[in-house]
Amino acid sequence: QVQLVESGGGLVQPGDSLRLSCTTSGFTFNMSPMKWYRQRPGKGLEWVSTIDTYGNTAHAPSVKGRFSITRDNAKNTLYLQMNSLKPEDTAVYFCAKGDARGEGTQVTVSS
């Protein structure tokens, strides 16, 4: 049974940084491409970042250069380093394996 648990969200000011974590179990993590999505208030689900099993990454244009997705296969954990946060980054952030998602972690960027 795939389990994904996000953590690390919070309330920060514009320009601050946060690192989100996603602890996983129930599948072979090092053989699985992983993604981060977000859902802004009143909006649909939005793809943020992908990392494949080789460590290759891709990011949405809105976060490219500010966010970085990484993985620690020894810990079965996915990360999202978010720098230079903006109010428009306010959202619930989810990690995903295929169609499976966690419950998310809230990130609020506000002065």
PDB file of N, CA and C in Angstrom:
ATOM      1  N   GLN A   1       0.846  -1.184   0.000  1.00  0.00           N
ATOM      2  CA  GLN A   1       0.000   0.000   0.000  1.00  0.00           C
ATOM      3  C   GLN A   1       0.890   1.246   0.000  1.00  0.00           C
ATOM      4  N   VAL A   2       0.695   2.048  -1.025  1.00  0.00           N
ATOM      5  CA  VAL A   2       1.493   3.272  -1.142  1.00  0.00           C
ATOM      6  C   VAL A   2       1.082   4.270  -0.070  1.00  0.00           C
ATOM      7  N   GLN A   3       2.082   4.774   0.663  1.00  0.00           N
ATOM      8  CA  GLN A   3       1.823   5.826   1.643  1.00  0.00           C
ATOM      9  C   GLN A   3       2.782   6.974   1.402  1.00  0.00           C
ATOM     10  N   LEU A   4       2.222   8.173   1.378  1.00  0.00           N
ATOM     11  CA  LEU A   4       2.985   9.396   1.144  1.00  0.00           C
ATOM     12  C   LEU A   4       2.565  10.409   2.204  1.00  0.00           C
ATOM     13  N   VAL A   5       3.545  10.931   2.937  1.00  0.00           N
ATOM     14  CA  VAL A   5       3.226  11.878   4.007  1.00  0.00           C
ATOM     15  C   VAL A   5       4.105  13.110   3.851  1.00  0.00           C
ATOM     16  N   GLU A   6       3.455  14.215   3.542  1.00  0.00           N
ATOM     17  CA  GLU A   6       4.163  15.483   3.366  1.00  0.00           C
ATOM     18  C   GLU A   6       4.311  16.213   4.694  1.00  0.00           C
ATOM     19  N   SER A   7       5.383  16.992   4.811  1.00  0.00           N
ATOM     20  CA  SER A   7       5.595  17.820   5.989  1.00  0.00           C
ATOM     21  C   SER A   7       6.492  18.991   5.609  1.00  0.00           C
ATOM     22  N   GLY A   8       6.582  19.951   6.519  1.00  0.00           N
ATOM     23  CA  GLY A   8       7.491  21.067   6.319  1.00  0.00           C
ATOM     24  C   GLY A   8       6.840  22.371   5.918  1.00  0.00           C
ATOM     25  N   GLY A   9       5.534  22.357   5.702  1.00  0.00           N
ATOM     26  CA  GLY A   9       4.853  23.587   5.347  1.00  0.00           C
ATOM     27  C   GLY A   9       4.766  24.546   6.519  1.00  0.00           C
ATOM     28  N   GLY A  10       4.266  25.745   6.229  1.00  0.00           N
ATOM     29  CA  GLY A  10       4.118  26.729   7.285  1.00  0.00           C
ATOM     30  C   GLY A  10       3.822  28.098   6.728  1.00  0.00           C
ATOM     31  N   LEU A  11       3.839  29.074   7.619  1.00  0.00           N
ATOM     32  CA  LEU A  11       3.611  30.469   7.262  1.00  0.00           C
ATOM     33  C   LEU A  11       4.960  31.180   7.199  1.00  0.00           C
ATOM     34  N   VAL A  12       5.270  31.752   6.047  1.00  0.00           N
ATOM     35  CA  VAL A  12       6.529  32.461   5.869  1.00  0.00           C
ATOM     36  C   VAL A  12       6.272  33.788   5.176  1.00  0.00           C
ATOM     37  N   GLN A  13       7.290  34.643   5.177  1.00  0.00           N
ATOM     38  CA  GLN A  13       7.189  35.937   4.513  1.00  0.00           C
ATOM     39  C   GLN A  13       7.742  35.841   3.088  1.00  0.00           C
ATOM     40  N   PRO A  14       7.328  36.740   2.236  1.00  0.00           N
ATOM     41  CA  PRO A  14       7.893  36.764   0.874  1.00  0.00           C
ATOM     42  C   PRO A  14       9.413  36.846   0.927  1.00  0.00           C
ATOM     43  N   GLY A  15      10.051  36.053   0.062  1.00  0.00           N
ATOM     44  CA  GLY A  15      11.501  36.011   0.029  1.00  0.00           C
ATOM     45  C   GLY A  15      12.117  34.925   0.894  1.00  0.00           C
ATOM     46  N   ASP A  16      11.329  34.346   1.785  1.00  0.00           N
ATOM     47  CA  ASP A  16      11.825  33.283   2.663  1.00  0.00           C
ATOM     48  C   ASP A  16      11.950  31.968   1.908  1.00  0.00           C
ATOM     49  N   SER A  17      12.497  30.985   2.614  1.00  0.00           N
ATOM     50  CA  SER A  17      12.667  29.642   2.067  1.00  0.00           C
ATOM     51  C   SER A  17      11.991  28.616   2.964  1.00  0.00           C
ATOM     52  N   LEU A  18      11.606  27.506   2.355  1.00  0.00           N
ATOM     53  CA  LEU A  18      11.073  26.352   3.070  1.00  0.00           C
ATOM     54  C   LEU A  18      11.559  25.096   2.373  1.00  0.00           C
ATOM     55  N   ARG A  19      11.694  24.022   3.139  1.00  0.00           N
ATOM     56  CA  ARG A  19      11.957  22.719   2.529  1.00  0.00           C
ATOM     57  C   ARG A  19      10.845  21.764   2.927  1.00  0.00           C
ATOM     58  N   LEU A  20      10.160  21.273   1.932  1.00  0.00           N
ATOM     59  CA  LEU A  20       9.129  20.272   2.155  1.00  0.00           C
ATOM     60  C   LEU A  20       9.735  18.875   2.061  1.00  0.00           C
ATOM     61  N   SER A  21       9.185  17.979   2.851  1.00  0.00           N
ATOM     62  CA  SER A  21       9.606  16.575   2.811  1.00  0.00           C
ATOM     63  C   SER A  21       8.401  15.697   2.531  1.00  0.00           C
ATOM     64  N   CYS A  22       8.656  14.564   1.920  1.00  0.00           N
ATOM     65  CA  CYS A  22       7.618  13.559   1.671  1.00  0.00           C
ATOM     66  C   CYS A  22       8.206  12.207   2.033  1.00  0.00           C
ATOM     67  N   THR A  23       7.763  11.661   3.135  1.00  0.00           N
ATOM     68  CA  THR A  23       8.235  10.334   3.525  1.00  0.00           C
ATOM     69  C   THR A  23       7.324   9.294   2.892  1.00  0.00           C
ATOM     70  N   THR A  24       7.929   8.229   2.388  1.00  0.00           N
ATOM     71  CA  THR A  24       7.166   7.255   1.614  1.00  0.00           C
ATOM     72  C   THR A  24       7.348   5.841   2.139  1.00  0.00           C
ATOM     73  N   SER A  25       6.398   4.991   1.815  1.00  0.00           N
ATOM     74  CA  SER A  25       6.482   3.566   2.136  1.00  0.00           C
ATOM     75  C   SER A  25       5.500   2.808   1.260  1.00  0.00           C
ATOM     76  N   GLY A  26       5.700   1.495   1.210  1.00  0.00           N
ATOM     77  CA  GLY A  26       4.759   0.662   0.483  1.00  0.00           C
ATOM     78  C   GLY A  26       5.103   0.414  -0.966  1.00  0.00           C
ATOM     79  N   PHE A  27       6.215   0.922  -1.431  1.00  0.00           N
ATOM     80  CA  PHE A  27       6.639   0.694  -2.803  1.00  0.00           C
ATOM     81  C   PHE A  27       8.156   0.879  -2.880  1.00  0.00           C
ATOM     82  N   THR A  28       8.718   0.520  -4.030  1.00  0.00           N
ATOM     83  CA  THR A  28      10.162   0.623  -4.219  1.00  0.00           C
ATOM     84  C   THR A  28      10.496   2.042  -4.647  1.00  0.00           C
ATOM     85  N   PHE A  29      10.862   2.846  -3.679  1.00  0.00           N
ATOM     86  CA  PHE A  29      11.043   4.285  -3.907  1.00  0.00           C
ATOM     87  C   PHE A  29      12.085   4.558  -4.972  1.00  0.00           C
ATOM     88  N   ASN A  30      13.220   3.861  -4.906  1.00  0.00           N
ATOM     89  CA  ASN A  30      14.313   4.214  -5.824  1.00  0.00           C
ATOM     90  C   ASN A  30      14.011   3.822  -7.267  1.00  0.00           C
ATOM     91  N   MET A  31      12.931   3.131  -7.508  1.00  0.00           N
ATOM     92  CA  MET A  31      12.531   2.766  -8.861  1.00  0.00           C
ATOM     93  C   MET A  31      11.336   3.583  -9.346  1.00  0.00           C
ATOM     94  N   SER A  32      10.979   4.610  -8.597  1.00  0.00           N
ATOM     95  CA  SER A  32       9.756   5.366  -8.899  1.00  0.00           C
ATOM     96  C   SER A  32      10.042   6.827  -9.194  1.00  0.00           C
ATOM     97  N   PRO A  33       9.624   7.303 -10.379  1.00  0.00           N
ATOM     98  CA  PRO A  33       9.619   8.753 -10.594  1.00  0.00           C
ATOM     99  C   PRO A  33       8.649   9.385  -9.603  1.00  0.00           C
ATOM    100  N   MET A  34       8.977  10.576  -9.141  1.00  0.00           N
ATOM    101  CA  MET A  34       8.151  11.244  -8.143  1.00  0.00           C
ATOM    102  C   MET A  34       7.861  12.676  -8.568  1.00  0.00           C
ATOM    103  N   LYS A  35       6.746  13.187  -8.077  1.00  0.00           N
ATOM    104  CA  LYS A  35       6.340  14.539  -8.459  1.00  0.00           C
ATOM    105  C   LYS A  35       5.850  15.319  -7.243  1.00  0.00           C
ATOM    106  N   TRP A  36       5.898  16.621  -7.379  1.00  0.00           N
ATOM    107  CA  TRP A  36       5.220  17.542  -6.477  1.00  0.00           C
ATOM    108  C   TRP A  36       4.149  18.280  -7.287  1.00  0.00           C
ATOM    109  N   TYR A  37       2.991  18.413  -6.658  1.00  0.00           N
ATOM    110  CA  TYR A  37       1.909  19.227  -7.198  1.00  0.00           C
ATOM    111  C   TYR A  37       1.527  20.247  -6.127  1.00  0.00           C
ATOM    112  N   ARG A  38       0.743  21.227  -6.538  1.00  0.00           N
ATOM    113  CA  ARG A  38       0.182  22.154  -5.564  1.00  0.00           C
ATOM    114  C   ARG A  38      -1.228  22.554  -5.986  1.00  0.00           C
ATOM    115  N   GLN A  39      -1.982  22.981  -5.019  1.00  0.00           N
ATOM    116  CA  GLN A  39      -3.322  23.490  -5.296  1.00  0.00           C
ATOM    117  C   GLN A  39      -3.474  24.818  -4.582  1.00  0.00           C
ATOM    118  N   ARG A  40      -3.534  25.869  -5.362  1.00  0.00           N
ATOM    119  CA  ARG A  40      -3.710  27.199  -4.815  1.00  0.00           C
ATOM    120  C   ARG A  40      -5.164  27.402  -4.440  1.00  0.00           C
ATOM    121  N   PRO A  41      -5.449  28.356  -3.564  1.00  0.00           N
ATOM    122  CA  PRO A  41      -6.838  28.593  -3.152  1.00  0.00           C
ATOM    123  C   PRO A  41      -7.757  28.848  -4.348  1.00  0.00           C
ATOM    124  N   GLY A  42      -8.800  28.071  -4.456  1.00  0.00           N
ATOM    125  CA  GLY A  42      -9.770  28.256  -5.516  1.00  0.00           C
ATOM    126  C   GLY A  42      -9.336  27.776  -6.888  1.00  0.00           C
ATOM    127  N   LYS A  43      -8.190  27.101  -6.971  1.00  0.00           N
ATOM    128  CA  LYS A  43      -7.656  26.645  -8.260  1.00  0.00           C
ATOM    129  C   LYS A  43      -7.569  25.126  -8.301  1.00  0.00           C
ATOM    130  N   GLY A  44      -7.286  24.601  -9.478  1.00  0.00           N
ATOM    131  CA  GLY A  44      -7.112  23.170  -9.643  1.00  0.00           C
ATOM    132  C   GLY A  44      -5.704  22.719  -9.302  1.00  0.00           C
ATOM    133  N   LEU A  45      -5.480  21.431  -9.435  1.00  0.00           N
ATOM    134  CA  LEU A  45      -4.169  20.871  -9.147  1.00  0.00           C
ATOM    135  C   LEU A  45      -3.169  21.303 -10.216  1.00  0.00           C
ATOM    136  N   GLU A  46      -2.004  21.723  -9.771  1.00  0.00           N
ATOM    137  CA  GLU A  46      -0.979  22.257 -10.674  1.00  0.00           C
ATOM    138  C   GLU A  46       0.315  21.488 -10.480  1.00  0.00           C
ATOM    139  N   TRP A  47       0.876  20.978 -11.570  1.00  0.00           N
ATOM    140  CA  TRP A  47       2.163  20.301 -11.484  1.00  0.00           C
ATOM    141  C   TRP A  47       3.264  21.300 -11.141  1.00  0.00           C
ATOM    142  N   VAL A  48       4.174  20.901 -10.246  1.00  0.00           N
ATOM    143  CA  VAL A  48       5.271  21.772  -9.821  1.00  0.00           C
ATOM    144  C   VAL A  48       6.620  21.224 -10.296  1.00  0.00           C
ATOM    145  N   SER A  49       6.915  19.958  -9.953  1.00  0.00           N
ATOM    146  CA  SER A  49       8.247  19.414 -10.233  1.00  0.00           C
ATOM    147  C   SER A  49       8.194  17.902 -10.366  1.00  0.00           C
ATOM    148  N   THR A  50       9.153  17.378 -11.119  1.00  0.00           N
ATOM    149  CA  THR A  50       9.317  15.935 -11.298  1.00  0.00           C
ATOM    150  C   THR A  50      10.777  15.569 -11.144  1.00  0.00           C
ATOM    151  N   ILE A  51      11.009  14.400 -10.558  1.00  0.00           N
ATOM    152  CA  ILE A  51      12.353  13.829 -10.532  1.00  0.00           C
ATOM    153  C   ILE A  51      12.239  12.371 -10.947  1.00  0.00           C
ATOM    154  N   ASP A  52      13.108  11.958 -11.880  1.00  0.00           N
ATOM    155  CA  ASP A  52      13.044  10.568 -12.305  1.00  0.00           C
ATOM    156  C   ASP A  52      14.010   9.727 -11.469  1.00  0.00           C
ATOM    157  N   THR A  53      14.125   8.450 -11.843  1.00  0.00           N
ATOM    158  CA  THR A  53      14.935   7.532 -11.043  1.00  0.00           C
ATOM    159  C   THR A  53      16.432   7.789 -11.202  1.00  0.00           C
ATOM    160  N   TYR A  54      16.797   8.558 -12.211  1.00  0.00           N
ATOM    161  CA  TYR A  54      18.204   8.899 -12.423  1.00  0.00           C
ATOM    162  C   TYR A  54      18.580  10.224 -11.770  1.00  0.00           C
ATOM    163  N   GLY A  55      17.582  10.913 -11.217  1.00  0.00           N
ATOM    164  CA  GLY A  55      17.846  12.213 -10.613  1.00  0.00           C
ATOM    165  C   GLY A  55      17.644  13.376 -11.548  1.00  0.00           C
ATOM    166  N   ASN A  56      17.181  13.104 -12.762  1.00  0.00           N
ATOM    167  CA  ASN A  56      16.858  14.192 -13.681  1.00  0.00           C
ATOM    168  C   ASN A  56      15.593  14.897 -13.201  1.00  0.00           C
ATOM    169  N   THR A  57      15.587  16.211 -13.342  1.00  0.00           N
ATOM    170  CA  THR A  57      14.483  17.002 -12.801  1.00  0.00           C
ATOM    171  C   THR A  57      13.843  17.901 -13.855  1.00  0.00           C
ATOM    172  N   ALA A  58      12.626  18.281 -13.577  1.00  0.00           N
ATOM    173  CA  ALA A  58      11.911  19.247 -14.399  1.00  0.00           C
ATOM    174  C   ALA A  58      11.028  20.076 -13.471  1.00  0.00           C
ATOM    175  N   HIS A  59      10.868  21.349 -13.816  1.00  0.00           N
ATOM    176  CA  HIS A  59      10.085  22.244 -12.973  1.00  0.00           C
ATOM    177  C   HIS A  59       9.149  23.077 -13.840  1.00  0.00           C
ATOM    178  N   ALA A  60       8.031  23.428 -13.266  1.00  0.00           N
ATOM    179  CA  ALA A  60       7.108  24.328 -13.946  1.00  0.00           C
ATOM    180  C   ALA A  60       7.766  25.688 -14.125  1.00  0.00           C
ATOM    181  N   PRO A  61       7.437  26.388 -15.215  1.00  0.00           N
ATOM    182  CA  PRO A  61       8.050  27.708 -15.441  1.00  0.00           C
ATOM    183  C   PRO A  61       7.859  28.671 -14.271  1.00  0.00           C
ATOM    184  N   SER A  62       6.749  28.560 -13.578  1.00  0.00           N
ATOM    185  CA  SER A  62       6.453  29.492 -12.489  1.00  0.00           C
ATOM    186  C   SER A  62       7.388  29.318 -11.286  1.00  0.00           C
ATOM    187  N   VAL A  63       8.057  28.168 -11.183  1.00  0.00           N
ATOM    188  CA  VAL A  63       8.944  27.926 -10.034  1.00  0.00           C
ATOM    189  C   VAL A  63      10.381  27.674 -10.452  1.00  0.00           C
ATOM    190  N   LYS A  64      10.632  27.555 -11.738  1.00  0.00           N
ATOM    191  CA  LYS A  64      11.985  27.245 -12.208  1.00  0.00           C
ATOM    192  C   LYS A  64      12.970  28.305 -11.744  1.00  0.00           C
ATOM    193  N   GLY A  65      14.111  27.828 -11.221  1.00  0.00           N
ATOM    194  CA  GLY A  65      15.124  28.744 -10.703  1.00  0.00           C
ATOM    195  C   GLY A  65      14.931  29.094  -9.243  1.00  0.00           C
ATOM    196  N   ARG A  66      13.749  28.791  -8.695  1.00  0.00           N
ATOM    197  CA  ARG A  66      13.486  29.066  -7.276  1.00  0.00           C
ATOM    198  C   ARG A  66      13.284  27.781  -6.471  1.00  0.00           C
ATOM    199  N   PHE A  67      12.682  26.775  -7.087  1.00  0.00           N
ATOM    200  CA  PHE A  67      12.397  25.500  -6.413  1.00  0.00           C
ATOM    201  C   PHE A  67      13.343  24.425  -6.930  1.00  0.00           C
ATOM    202  N   SER A  68      13.640  23.472  -6.063  1.00  0.00           N
ATOM    203  CA  SER A  68      14.494  22.361  -6.445  1.00  0.00           C
ATOM    204  C   SER A  68      13.953  21.071  -5.839  1.00  0.00           C
ATOM    205  N   ILE A  69      13.738  20.063  -6.683  1.00  0.00           N
ATOM    206  CA  ILE A  69      13.274  18.770  -6.221  1.00  0.00           C
ATOM    207  C   ILE A  69      14.452  17.820  -6.111  1.00  0.00           C
ATOM    208  N   THR A  70      14.525  17.126  -4.993  1.00  0.00           N
ATOM    209  CA  THR A  70      15.584  16.141  -4.786  1.00  0.00           C
ATOM    210  C   THR A  70      15.004  14.899  -4.109  1.00  0.00           C
ATOM    211  N   ARG A  71      15.796  13.855  -4.072  1.00  0.00           N
ATOM    212  CA  ARG A  71      15.357  12.618  -3.432  1.00  0.00           C
ATOM    213  C   ARG A  71      16.513  11.985  -2.682  1.00  0.00           C
ATOM    214  N   ASP A  72      16.190  11.315  -1.590  1.00  0.00           N
ATOM    215  CA  ASP A  72      17.165  10.546  -0.836  1.00  0.00           C
ATOM    216  C   ASP A  72      16.669   9.108  -0.836  1.00  0.00           C
ATOM    217  N   ASN A  73      17.214   8.300  -1.705  1.00  0.00           N
ATOM    218  CA  ASN A  73      16.735   6.927  -1.842  1.00  0.00           C
ATOM    219  C   ASN A  73      17.019   6.082  -0.605  1.00  0.00           C
ATOM    220  N   ALA A  74      18.061   6.432   0.134  1.00  0.00           N
ATOM    221  CA  ALA A  74      18.368   5.680   1.356  1.00  0.00           C
ATOM    222  C   ALA A  74      17.301   5.902   2.424  1.00  0.00           C
ATOM    223  N   LYS A  75      16.651   7.068   2.372  1.00  0.00           N
ATOM    224  CA  LYS A  75      15.631   7.412   3.363  1.00  0.00           C
ATOM    225  C   LYS A  75      14.212   7.303   2.804  1.00  0.00           C
ATOM    226  N   ASN A  76      14.106   6.895   1.529  1.00  0.00           N
ATOM    227  CA  ASN A  76      12.779   6.827   0.890  1.00  0.00           C
ATOM    228  C   ASN A  76      12.022   8.145   1.028  1.00  0.00           C
ATOM    229  N   THR A  77      12.737   9.229   0.837  1.00  0.00           N
ATOM    230  CA  THR A  77      12.161  10.551   1.067  1.00  0.00           C
ATOM    231  C   THR A  77      12.395  11.475  -0.117  1.00  0.00           C
ATOM    232  N   LEU A  78      11.364  12.217  -0.437  1.00  0.00           N
ATOM    233  CA  LEU A  78      11.382  13.219  -1.498  1.00  0.00           C
ATOM    234  C   LEU A  78      11.379  14.598  -0.855  1.00  0.00           C
ATOM    235  N   TYR A  79      12.067  15.546  -1.489  1.00  0.00           N
ATOM    236  CA  TYR A  79      12.145  16.903  -0.949  1.00  0.00           C
ATOM    237  C   TYR A  79      11.768  17.933  -2.013  1.00  0.00           C
ATOM    238  N   LEU A  80      11.332  19.093  -1.531  1.00  0.00           N
ATOM    239  CA  LEU A  80      11.152  20.245  -2.401  1.00  0.00           C
ATOM    240  C   LEU A  80      11.719  21.457  -1.666  1.00  0.00           C
ATOM    241  N   GLN A  81      12.857  21.930  -2.132  1.00  0.00           N
ATOM    242  CA  GLN A  81      13.448  23.145  -1.578  1.00  0.00           C
ATOM    243  C   GLN A  81      12.838  24.337  -2.300  1.00  0.00           C
ATOM    244  N   MET A  82      12.252  25.235  -1.550  1.00  0.00           N
ATOM    245  CA  MET A  82      11.562  26.378  -2.126  1.00  0.00           C
ATOM    246  C   MET A  82      12.242  27.651  -1.628  1.00  0.00           C
ATOM    247  N   ASN A  83      12.813  28.396  -2.540  1.00  0.00           N
ATOM    248  CA  ASN A  83      13.497  29.647  -2.215  1.00  0.00           C
ATOM    249  C   ASN A  83      12.764  30.826  -2.831  1.00  0.00           C
ATOM    250  N   SER A  84      13.072  32.008  -2.340  1.00  0.00           N
ATOM    251  CA  SER A  84      12.475  33.241  -2.879  1.00  0.00           C
ATOM    252  C   SER A  84      10.958  33.112  -3.012  1.00  0.00           C
ATOM    253  N   LEU A  85      10.334  32.671  -1.949  1.00  0.00           N
ATOM    254  CA  LEU A  85       8.895  32.418  -1.999  1.00  0.00           C
ATOM    255  C   LEU A  85       8.114  33.703  -2.238  1.00  0.00           C
ATOM    256  N   LYS A  86       7.017  33.542  -2.983  1.00  0.00           N
ATOM    257  CA  LYS A  86       6.145  34.652  -3.334  1.00  0.00           C
ATOM    258  C   LYS A  86       4.734  34.367  -2.801  1.00  0.00           C
ATOM    259  N   PRO A  87       3.938  35.404  -2.624  1.00  0.00           N
ATOM    260  CA  PRO A  87       2.560  35.160  -2.169  1.00  0.00           C
ATOM    261  C   PRO A  87       1.801  34.187  -3.076  1.00  0.00           C
ATOM    262  N   GLU A  88       2.092  34.228  -4.370  1.00  0.00           N
ATOM    263  CA  GLU A  88       1.394  33.326  -5.290  1.00  0.00           C
ATOM    264  C   GLU A  88       1.836  31.870  -5.171  1.00  0.00           C
ATOM    265  N   ASP A  89       2.839  31.601  -4.336  1.00  0.00           N
ATOM    266  CA  ASP A  89       3.210  30.217  -4.049  1.00  0.00           C
ATOM    267  C   ASP A  89       2.344  29.612  -2.939  1.00  0.00           C
ATOM    268  N   THR A  90       1.476  30.434  -2.354  1.00  0.00           N
ATOM    269  CA  THR A  90       0.576  29.940  -1.320  1.00  0.00           C
ATOM    270  C   THR A  90      -0.305  28.838  -1.890  1.00  0.00           C
ATOM    271  N   ALA A  91      -0.250  27.664  -1.255  1.00  0.00           N
ATOM    272  CA  ALA A  91      -0.967  26.501  -1.778  1.00  0.00           C
ATOM    273  C   ALA A  91      -0.811  25.336  -0.812  1.00  0.00           C
ATOM    274  N   VAL A  92      -1.600  24.313  -1.051  1.00  0.00           N
ATOM    275  CA  VAL A  92      -1.346  23.014  -0.430  1.00  0.00           C
ATOM    276  C   VAL A  92      -0.462  22.235  -1.391  1.00  0.00           C
ATOM    277  N   TYR A  93       0.640  21.720  -0.879  1.00  0.00           N
ATOM    278  CA  TYR A  93       1.607  21.002  -1.698  1.00  0.00           C
ATOM    279  C   TYR A  93       1.497  19.505  -1.431  1.00  0.00           C
ATOM    280  N   PHE A  94       1.466  18.746  -2.531  1.00  0.00           N
ATOM    281  CA  PHE A  94       1.319  17.303  -2.465  1.00  0.00           C
ATOM    282  C   PHE A  94       2.487  16.628  -3.162  1.00  0.00           C
ATOM    283  N   CYS A  95       2.966  15.528  -2.597  1.00  0.00           N
ATOM    284  CA  CYS A  95       3.871  14.683  -3.363  1.00  0.00           C
ATOM    285  C   CYS A  95       3.045  13.557  -3.981  1.00  0.00           C
ATOM    286  N   ALA A  96       3.554  12.999  -5.073  1.00  0.00           N
ATOM    287  CA  ALA A  96       2.781  12.011  -5.809  1.00  0.00           C
ATOM    288  C   ALA A  96       3.660  10.951  -6.428  1.00  0.00           C
ATOM    289  N   LYS A  97       3.121   9.736  -6.429  1.00  0.00           N
ATOM    290  CA  LYS A  97       3.682   8.627  -7.181  1.00  0.00           C
ATOM    291  C   LYS A  97       2.557   8.118  -8.075  1.00  0.00           C
ATOM    292  N   GLY A  98       2.695   8.373  -9.354  1.00  0.00           N
ATOM    293  CA  GLY A  98       1.605   8.023 -10.251  1.00  0.00           C
ATOM    294  C   GLY A  98       0.341   8.762  -9.837  1.00  0.00           C
ATOM    295  N   ASP A  99      -0.748   8.024  -9.647  1.00  0.00           N
ATOM    296  CA  ASP A  99      -2.018   8.625  -9.253  1.00  0.00           C
ATOM    297  C   ASP A  99      -2.163   8.774  -7.746  1.00  0.00           C
ATOM    298  N   ALA A 100      -1.209   8.262  -6.990  1.00  0.00           N
ATOM    299  CA  ALA A 100      -1.303   8.324  -5.531  1.00  0.00           C
ATOM    300  C   ALA A 100      -0.722   9.635  -5.024  1.00  0.00           C
ATOM    301  N   ARG A 101      -1.426  10.257  -4.087  1.00  0.00           N
ATOM    302  CA  ARG A 101      -0.961  11.502  -3.487  1.00  0.00           C
ATOM    303  C   ARG A 101      -1.129  11.427  -1.986  1.00  0.00           C
ATOM    304  N   GLY A 102      -0.306  12.225  -1.290  1.00  0.00           N
ATOM    305  CA  GLY A 102      -0.502  12.358   0.140  1.00  0.00           C
ATOM    306  C   GLY A 102      -1.616  13.340   0.450  1.00  0.00           C
ATOM    307  N   GLU A 103      -1.758  13.678   1.717  1.00  0.00           N
ATOM    308  CA  GLU A 103      -2.798  14.620   2.126  1.00  0.00           C
ATOM    309  C   GLU A 103      -2.365  16.067   1.975  1.00  0.00           C
ATOM    310  N   GLY A 104      -1.086  16.281   1.780  1.00  0.00           N
ATOM    311  CA  GLY A 104      -0.599  17.616   1.514  1.00  0.00           C
ATOM    312  C   GLY A 104      -0.127  18.359   2.741  1.00  0.00           C
ATOM    313  N   THR A 105       0.626  19.427   2.480  1.00  0.00           N
ATOM    314  CA  THR A 105       1.089  20.320   3.533  1.00  0.00           C
ATOM    315  C   THR A 105       0.871  21.755   3.076  1.00  0.00           C
ATOM    316  N   GLN A 106       0.349  22.570   3.969  1.00  0.00           N
ATOM    317  CA  GLN A 106      -0.033  23.944   3.616  1.00  0.00           C
ATOM    318  C   GLN A 106       1.193  24.859   3.664  1.00  0.00           C
ATOM    319  N   VAL A 107       1.372  25.624   2.605  1.00  0.00           N
ATOM    320  CA  VAL A 107       2.390  26.674   2.559  1.00  0.00           C
ATOM    321  C   VAL A 107       1.675  28.001   2.360  1.00  0.00           C
ATOM    322  N   THR A 108       1.924  28.936   3.262  1.00  0.00           N
ATOM    323  CA  THR A 108       1.328  30.258   3.163  1.00  0.00           C
ATOM    324  C   THR A 108       2.440  31.293   3.158  1.00  0.00           C
ATOM    325  N   VAL A 109       2.445  32.114   2.119  1.00  0.00           N
ATOM    326  CA  VAL A 109       3.452  33.164   1.979  1.00  0.00           C
ATOM    327  C   VAL A 109       2.743  34.505   2.088  1.00  0.00           C
ATOM    328  N   SER A 110       3.017  35.204   3.167  1.00  0.00           N
ATOM    329  CA  SER A 110       2.306  36.444   3.421  1.00  0.00           C
ATOM    330  C   SER A 110       3.131  37.343   4.312  1.00  0.00           C
ATOM    331  N   SER A 111       3.028  38.642   4.054  1.00  0.00           N
ATOM    332  CA  SER A 111       3.698  39.601   4.925  1.00  0.00           C
ATOM    333  C   SER A 111       2.753  40.079   6.019  1.00  0.00           C
TER     334      SER A 111
END
